[in-house]
């Protein structure tokens, strides 16, 4: 679903999925797993997530920045995501989670933002693959 990538100043991940929608779900899960311990998330509330972009690369950055807004701005942790609609210019969906509890969802890394550094989203054979680096 995803793997963490080492980088000298940042941290990144490579995510994959059978469809663009599945790729975006796995990328959101990777971001959450880098920022927080998500092993005890309870799916108590539904949070809407939507983003726009010029292509799949900018769309993924904007989608992940919306997820990051919930993590930092709203202090929410999510353990499951769904993409309802996706095109190269627009994505909408939702995440399930709850308000962050420092005892149950301890922080791992402070993620400042999603970058365009070495960003890629492409179809490789039967699957979609993204490489994303985060500013920490």
N, C-alpha and C. Protein backbone atom coordinates (compact mmCIF):
# COMPACT_ATOMS: atom_id res chain seq x y z
N UNK A 1 0.82 -1.19 0.00
CA UNK A 1 0.00 0.00 0.00
C UNK A 1 0.87 1.25 0.00
N UNK A 2 1.93 1.31 0.87
CA UNK A 2 2.89 2.42 0.82
C UNK A 2 4.18 2.00 1.51
N UNK A 3 5.28 2.73 1.19
CA UNK A 3 6.57 2.52 1.85
C UNK A 3 7.18 3.88 2.13
N UNK A 4 7.95 3.99 3.21
CA UNK A 4 8.61 5.23 3.60
C UNK A 4 9.93 5.34 2.82
N UNK A 5 10.24 6.56 2.36
CA UNK A 5 11.47 6.83 1.62
C UNK A 5 12.37 7.72 2.46
N UNK A 6 13.64 7.39 2.51
CA UNK A 6 14.61 8.20 3.25
C UNK A 6 15.07 9.36 2.39
N UNK A 7 15.32 10.52 3.04
CA UNK A 7 15.82 11.71 2.36
C UNK A 7 16.60 12.50 3.40
N UNK A 8 17.60 13.25 2.96
CA UNK A 8 18.48 13.92 3.92
C UNK A 8 17.76 14.94 4.79
N UNK A 9 16.85 15.73 4.24
CA UNK A 9 16.22 16.80 5.02
C UNK A 9 14.73 16.58 5.24
N UNK A 10 14.12 15.74 4.46
CA UNK A 10 12.67 15.53 4.54
C UNK A 10 12.40 14.04 4.70
N UNK A 11 11.14 13.69 4.62
CA UNK A 11 10.75 12.28 4.60
C UNK A 11 9.74 12.13 3.48
N UNK A 12 9.75 10.99 2.87
CA UNK A 12 8.83 10.76 1.77
C UNK A 12 8.21 9.39 1.84
N UNK A 13 7.35 9.14 0.88
CA UNK A 13 6.75 7.82 0.77
C UNK A 13 6.42 7.54 -0.68
N UNK A 14 6.31 6.28 -0.97
CA UNK A 14 5.82 5.82 -2.26
C UNK A 14 4.55 5.03 -1.96
N UNK A 15 3.47 5.41 -2.62
CA UNK A 15 2.18 4.74 -2.44
C UNK A 15 1.72 4.21 -3.78
N UNK A 16 0.87 3.20 -3.75
CA UNK A 16 0.36 2.64 -4.98
C UNK A 16 -1.06 2.16 -4.79
N UNK A 17 -1.75 1.99 -5.91
CA UNK A 17 -3.12 1.49 -5.90
C UNK A 17 -3.51 1.04 -7.28
N UNK A 18 -4.57 0.27 -7.36
CA UNK A 18 -5.05 -0.23 -8.64
C UNK A 18 -5.70 0.86 -9.47
N UNK A 19 -6.19 1.91 -8.81
CA UNK A 19 -6.85 3.03 -9.47
C UNK A 19 -6.33 4.33 -8.87
N UNK A 20 -6.56 5.47 -9.52
CA UNK A 20 -6.19 6.74 -8.89
C UNK A 20 -6.87 6.92 -7.53
N UNK A 21 -8.11 6.51 -7.40
CA UNK A 21 -8.82 6.64 -6.12
C UNK A 21 -8.12 5.85 -5.02
N UNK A 22 -7.76 4.62 -5.30
CA UNK A 22 -7.07 3.79 -4.31
C UNK A 22 -5.69 4.38 -3.98
N UNK A 23 -5.02 4.92 -4.98
CA UNK A 23 -3.73 5.57 -4.75
C UNK A 23 -3.88 6.74 -3.77
N UNK A 24 -4.88 7.58 -3.96
CA UNK A 24 -5.10 8.74 -3.08
C UNK A 24 -5.44 8.29 -1.67
N UNK A 25 -6.19 7.21 -1.53
CA UNK A 25 -6.50 6.67 -0.20
C UNK A 25 -5.22 6.21 0.49
N UNK A 26 -4.39 5.47 -0.21
CA UNK A 26 -3.15 4.95 0.38
C UNK A 26 -2.17 6.07 0.70
N UNK A 27 -2.14 7.11 -0.12
CA UNK A 27 -1.28 8.26 0.17
C UNK A 27 -1.74 8.97 1.44
N UNK A 28 -3.03 9.11 1.63
CA UNK A 28 -3.55 9.74 2.85
C UNK A 28 -3.20 8.91 4.08
N UNK A 29 -3.30 7.60 3.96
CA UNK A 29 -2.93 6.71 5.07
C UNK A 29 -1.45 6.82 5.39
N UNK A 30 -0.62 6.94 4.35
CA UNK A 30 0.82 7.09 4.55
C UNK A 30 1.13 8.39 5.30
N UNK A 31 0.52 9.49 4.89
CA UNK A 31 0.72 10.77 5.56
C UNK A 31 0.33 10.69 7.03
N UNK A 32 -0.82 10.13 7.32
CA UNK A 32 -1.27 9.99 8.71
C UNK A 32 -0.29 9.13 9.51
N UNK A 33 0.19 8.03 8.92
CA UNK A 33 1.10 7.12 9.63
C UNK A 33 2.45 7.76 9.90
N UNK A 34 2.88 8.68 9.05
CA UNK A 34 4.14 9.38 9.28
C UNK A 34 3.99 10.40 10.40
N UNK A 35 2.86 11.09 10.44
CA UNK A 35 2.64 12.16 11.42
C UNK A 35 2.25 11.64 12.80
N UNK A 36 1.47 10.56 12.86
CA UNK A 36 0.88 10.12 14.13
C UNK A 36 0.87 8.60 14.24
N UNK A 37 0.73 8.11 15.46
CA UNK A 37 0.44 6.70 15.68
C UNK A 37 -1.06 6.53 15.46
N UNK A 38 -1.43 5.84 14.40
CA UNK A 38 -2.84 5.69 14.04
C UNK A 38 -3.41 4.33 14.45
N UNK A 39 -2.67 3.57 15.21
CA UNK A 39 -3.09 2.20 15.52
C UNK A 39 -4.35 2.11 16.38
N UNK A 40 -4.69 3.19 17.10
CA UNK A 40 -5.86 3.14 17.97
C UNK A 40 -6.96 4.11 17.56
N UNK A 41 -6.98 4.48 16.28
CA UNK A 41 -8.01 5.42 15.81
C UNK A 41 -9.37 4.75 15.82
N UNK A 42 -10.35 5.45 16.37
CA UNK A 42 -11.74 5.01 16.31
C UNK A 42 -12.44 5.84 15.25
N UNK A 43 -13.16 5.19 14.37
CA UNK A 43 -13.85 5.86 13.27
C UNK A 43 -15.19 6.40 13.74
N UNK A 44 -15.15 7.41 14.61
CA UNK A 44 -16.36 7.95 15.23
C UNK A 44 -17.03 9.03 14.41
N UNK A 45 -16.26 9.78 13.63
CA UNK A 45 -16.81 10.91 12.87
C UNK A 45 -16.36 10.82 11.42
N UNK A 46 -17.16 11.42 10.54
CA UNK A 46 -16.83 11.50 9.12
C UNK A 46 -16.43 12.93 8.80
N UNK A 47 -15.32 13.09 8.10
CA UNK A 47 -14.78 14.40 7.74
C UNK A 47 -14.71 14.51 6.22
N UNK A 48 -15.36 15.52 5.62
CA UNK A 48 -15.30 15.66 4.17
C UNK A 48 -13.93 16.17 3.73
N UNK A 49 -13.46 15.66 2.60
CA UNK A 49 -12.17 16.09 2.05
C UNK A 49 -12.38 16.31 0.55
N UNK A 50 -11.96 17.47 0.05
CA UNK A 50 -12.06 17.76 -1.38
C UNK A 50 -10.88 18.62 -1.77
N UNK A 51 -10.46 18.48 -3.01
CA UNK A 51 -9.34 19.27 -3.52
C UNK A 51 -9.47 19.40 -5.03
N UNK A 52 -8.80 20.41 -5.55
CA UNK A 52 -8.74 20.64 -6.99
C UNK A 52 -7.29 20.79 -7.40
N UNK A 53 -7.01 20.56 -8.68
CA UNK A 53 -5.66 20.72 -9.19
C UNK A 53 -5.68 20.77 -10.70
N UNK A 54 -4.51 20.93 -11.28
CA UNK A 54 -4.38 20.99 -12.74
C UNK A 54 -4.09 19.62 -13.35
N UNK A 55 -3.62 18.69 -12.51
CA UNK A 55 -3.27 17.35 -12.96
C UNK A 55 -3.20 16.47 -11.71
N UNK A 56 -2.91 15.18 -11.89
CA UNK A 56 -2.90 14.28 -10.74
C UNK A 56 -1.83 14.67 -9.70
N UNK A 57 -0.70 15.23 -10.15
CA UNK A 57 0.35 15.62 -9.20
C UNK A 57 -0.14 16.74 -8.29
N UNK A 58 -0.61 17.83 -8.86
CA UNK A 58 -1.07 18.95 -8.02
C UNK A 58 -2.31 18.55 -7.24
N UNK A 59 -3.15 17.70 -7.82
CA UNK A 59 -4.33 17.23 -7.12
C UNK A 59 -3.95 16.43 -5.87
N UNK A 60 -2.94 15.56 -6.00
CA UNK A 60 -2.50 14.77 -4.84
C UNK A 60 -1.91 15.67 -3.76
N UNK A 61 -1.10 16.64 -4.14
CA UNK A 61 -0.55 17.58 -3.15
C UNK A 61 -1.68 18.29 -2.42
N UNK A 62 -2.66 18.78 -3.14
CA UNK A 62 -3.77 19.51 -2.52
C UNK A 62 -4.63 18.60 -1.65
N UNK A 63 -4.87 17.37 -2.08
CA UNK A 63 -5.61 16.38 -1.28
C UNK A 63 -4.88 16.11 0.04
N UNK A 64 -3.58 15.86 -0.06
CA UNK A 64 -2.80 15.57 1.15
C UNK A 64 -2.71 16.79 2.07
N UNK A 65 -2.64 17.99 1.50
CA UNK A 65 -2.65 19.19 2.34
C UNK A 65 -3.98 19.37 3.06
N UNK A 66 -5.08 18.92 2.46
CA UNK A 66 -6.37 18.94 3.16
C UNK A 66 -6.35 17.96 4.33
N UNK A 67 -5.79 16.77 4.11
CA UNK A 67 -5.65 15.80 5.21
C UNK A 67 -4.77 16.39 6.30
N UNK A 68 -3.67 17.02 5.91
CA UNK A 68 -2.77 17.64 6.89
C UNK A 68 -3.46 18.76 7.66
N UNK A 69 -4.35 19.50 7.01
CA UNK A 69 -5.11 20.54 7.71
C UNK A 69 -5.90 19.92 8.87
N UNK A 70 -6.53 18.77 8.63
CA UNK A 70 -7.26 18.11 9.72
C UNK A 70 -6.32 17.70 10.84
N UNK A 71 -5.15 17.18 10.49
CA UNK A 71 -4.18 16.74 11.50
C UNK A 71 -3.73 17.92 12.36
N UNK A 72 -3.30 19.00 11.71
CA UNK A 72 -2.73 20.13 12.45
C UNK A 72 -3.76 21.19 12.85
N UNK A 73 -4.60 21.58 11.91
CA UNK A 73 -5.54 22.66 12.16
C UNK A 73 -6.71 22.27 13.03
N UNK A 74 -7.26 21.10 12.78
CA UNK A 74 -8.44 20.64 13.52
C UNK A 74 -8.10 19.62 14.60
N UNK A 75 -6.84 19.16 14.63
CA UNK A 75 -6.38 18.19 15.62
C UNK A 75 -7.21 16.90 15.57
N UNK A 76 -7.32 16.38 14.35
CA UNK A 76 -8.09 15.17 14.08
C UNK A 76 -7.14 14.11 13.54
N UNK A 77 -7.41 12.86 13.89
CA UNK A 77 -6.68 11.73 13.32
C UNK A 77 -7.69 10.84 12.60
N UNK A 78 -7.30 10.39 11.41
CA UNK A 78 -8.20 9.54 10.62
C UNK A 78 -7.52 8.21 10.32
N UNK A 79 -8.32 7.17 10.33
CA UNK A 79 -7.78 5.83 10.09
C UNK A 79 -8.32 5.15 8.85
N UNK A 80 -9.29 5.81 8.19
CA UNK A 80 -9.87 5.23 6.97
C UNK A 80 -10.28 6.38 6.06
N UNK A 81 -10.09 6.18 4.75
CA UNK A 81 -10.44 7.18 3.76
C UNK A 81 -11.24 6.55 2.64
N UNK A 82 -12.03 7.38 1.98
CA UNK A 82 -12.80 6.95 0.82
C UNK A 82 -12.76 8.08 -0.21
N UNK A 83 -12.58 7.72 -1.47
CA UNK A 83 -12.67 8.68 -2.56
C UNK A 83 -13.98 8.41 -3.28
N UNK A 84 -14.85 9.42 -3.33
CA UNK A 84 -16.15 9.28 -3.98
C UNK A 84 -16.09 9.62 -5.46
N UNK A 85 -15.33 10.66 -5.79
CA UNK A 85 -15.18 11.09 -7.19
C UNK A 85 -13.75 11.55 -7.41
N UNK A 86 -13.20 11.21 -8.58
CA UNK A 86 -11.85 11.66 -8.90
C UNK A 86 -11.71 11.82 -10.41
N UNK A 87 -11.02 12.89 -10.79
CA UNK A 87 -10.59 13.15 -12.16
C UNK A 87 -9.22 13.80 -12.02
N UNK A 88 -8.51 14.04 -13.10
CA UNK A 88 -7.20 14.69 -12.95
C UNK A 88 -7.28 16.11 -12.35
N UNK A 89 -8.47 16.71 -12.33
CA UNK A 89 -8.61 18.07 -11.80
C UNK A 89 -9.38 18.19 -10.49
N UNK A 90 -10.05 17.13 -10.04
CA UNK A 90 -10.88 17.24 -8.84
C UNK A 90 -10.99 15.90 -8.13
N UNK A 91 -10.95 15.96 -6.81
CA UNK A 91 -11.16 14.76 -5.99
C UNK A 91 -12.04 15.14 -4.81
N UNK A 92 -12.97 14.26 -4.46
CA UNK A 92 -13.78 14.46 -3.26
C UNK A 92 -13.98 13.11 -2.60
N UNK A 93 -14.04 13.18 -1.29
CA UNK A 93 -14.22 11.96 -0.52
C UNK A 93 -14.39 12.29 0.95
N UNK A 94 -13.97 11.36 1.78
CA UNK A 94 -14.13 11.57 3.22
C UNK A 94 -13.13 10.71 3.98
N UNK A 95 -12.96 11.09 5.22
CA UNK A 95 -12.12 10.32 6.12
C UNK A 95 -12.89 10.05 7.40
N UNK A 96 -12.61 8.93 8.02
CA UNK A 96 -13.23 8.58 9.28
C UNK A 96 -12.18 8.62 10.38
N UNK A 97 -12.55 9.23 11.50
CA UNK A 97 -11.60 9.32 12.59
C UNK A 97 -12.22 9.97 13.81
N UNK A 98 -11.36 10.68 14.55
CA UNK A 98 -11.80 11.28 15.82
C UNK A 98 -10.82 12.38 16.21
N UNK A 99 -11.23 13.21 17.19
CA UNK A 99 -10.28 14.21 17.71
C UNK A 99 -9.05 13.51 18.28
N UNK A 100 -7.90 14.14 18.09
CA UNK A 100 -6.64 13.56 18.55
C UNK A 100 -6.58 13.49 20.07
N UNK A 101 -6.13 12.35 20.56
CA UNK A 101 -5.88 12.13 21.98
C UNK A 101 -4.39 11.82 22.10
N UNK A 102 -3.60 12.71 22.74
CA UNK A 102 -2.15 12.50 22.80
C UNK A 102 -1.74 11.15 23.40
N UNK A 103 -2.56 10.60 24.28
CA UNK A 103 -2.22 9.31 24.88
C UNK A 103 -2.42 8.16 23.90
N UNK A 104 -3.45 8.26 23.05
CA UNK A 104 -3.76 7.18 22.11
C UNK A 104 -3.20 7.41 20.71
N UNK A 105 -2.91 8.68 20.38
CA UNK A 105 -2.40 9.01 19.04
C UNK A 105 -1.15 9.88 19.18
N UNK A 106 -0.09 9.37 19.79
CA UNK A 106 1.10 10.20 19.98
C UNK A 106 1.70 10.64 18.64
N UNK A 107 2.26 11.85 18.62
CA UNK A 107 2.88 12.32 17.38
C UNK A 107 4.15 11.54 17.07
N UNK A 108 4.44 11.43 15.78
CA UNK A 108 5.68 10.80 15.33
C UNK A 108 6.61 11.87 14.76
N UNK A 109 6.13 12.61 13.77
CA UNK A 109 6.90 13.69 13.15
C UNK A 109 5.96 14.87 12.90
N UNK A 110 6.48 16.06 13.01
CA UNK A 110 5.70 17.25 12.67
C UNK A 110 5.85 17.46 11.16
N UNK A 111 4.77 17.30 10.45
CA UNK A 111 4.76 17.50 9.00
C UNK A 111 4.28 18.91 8.75
N UNK A 112 5.14 19.73 8.12
CA UNK A 112 4.79 21.13 7.84
C UNK A 112 3.99 21.27 6.55
N UNK A 113 4.28 20.40 5.59
CA UNK A 113 3.56 20.50 4.32
C UNK A 113 3.97 19.41 3.36
N UNK A 114 3.19 19.32 2.30
CA UNK A 114 3.46 18.38 1.23
C UNK A 114 4.17 19.16 0.13
N UNK A 115 5.26 18.63 -0.40
CA UNK A 115 6.07 19.38 -1.35
C UNK A 115 5.93 18.82 -2.77
N UNK A 116 6.43 19.60 -3.72
CA UNK A 116 6.50 19.17 -5.11
C UNK A 116 7.86 18.57 -5.44
N UNK A 117 8.76 18.52 -4.45
CA UNK A 117 10.11 17.99 -4.63
C UNK A 117 10.04 16.52 -5.01
N UNK A 118 10.55 16.16 -6.17
CA UNK A 118 10.57 14.79 -6.69
C UNK A 118 9.19 14.13 -6.73
N UNK A 119 8.15 14.95 -6.80
CA UNK A 119 6.78 14.44 -6.84
C UNK A 119 6.52 13.74 -8.17
N UNK A 120 5.87 12.60 -8.10
CA UNK A 120 5.43 11.94 -9.33
C UNK A 120 4.16 11.14 -9.05
N UNK A 121 3.29 11.13 -10.02
CA UNK A 121 2.09 10.29 -10.03
C UNK A 121 2.01 9.72 -11.44
N UNK A 122 2.06 8.40 -11.54
CA UNK A 122 2.02 7.80 -12.87
C UNK A 122 1.44 6.40 -12.82
N UNK A 123 0.97 5.99 -13.97
CA UNK A 123 0.48 4.63 -14.10
C UNK A 123 1.63 3.76 -14.59
N UNK A 124 1.87 2.69 -13.85
CA UNK A 124 2.92 1.72 -14.21
C UNK A 124 2.25 0.37 -14.41
N UNK A 125 2.01 0.04 -15.65
CA UNK A 125 1.33 -1.23 -15.93
C UNK A 125 -0.09 -1.21 -15.40
N UNK A 126 -0.37 -2.13 -14.50
CA UNK A 126 -1.71 -2.29 -13.95
C UNK A 126 -1.97 -1.43 -12.72
N UNK A 127 -0.97 -0.69 -12.23
CA UNK A 127 -1.18 0.07 -11.00
C UNK A 127 -0.74 1.52 -11.14
N UNK A 128 -1.25 2.35 -10.24
CA UNK A 128 -0.88 3.75 -10.14
C UNK A 128 0.11 3.89 -8.99
N UNK A 129 1.16 4.69 -9.20
CA UNK A 129 2.23 4.86 -8.22
C UNK A 129 2.50 6.35 -8.02
N UNK A 130 2.66 6.74 -6.76
CA UNK A 130 3.01 8.12 -6.44
C UNK A 130 4.23 8.13 -5.54
N UNK A 131 5.08 9.12 -5.75
CA UNK A 131 6.20 9.40 -4.85
C UNK A 131 5.99 10.81 -4.32
N UNK A 132 6.03 10.94 -2.99
CA UNK A 132 5.74 12.22 -2.34
C UNK A 132 6.77 12.46 -1.25
N UNK A 133 7.26 13.70 -1.18
CA UNK A 133 8.14 14.09 -0.07
C UNK A 133 7.44 15.16 0.76
N UNK A 134 7.62 15.06 2.07
CA UNK A 134 6.98 15.95 3.03
C UNK A 134 8.01 16.85 3.68
N UNK A 135 7.65 18.09 3.92
CA UNK A 135 8.50 19.03 4.64
C UNK A 135 8.28 18.81 6.13
N UNK A 136 9.35 18.44 6.83
CA UNK A 136 9.22 18.19 8.28
C UNK A 136 10.08 19.15 9.06
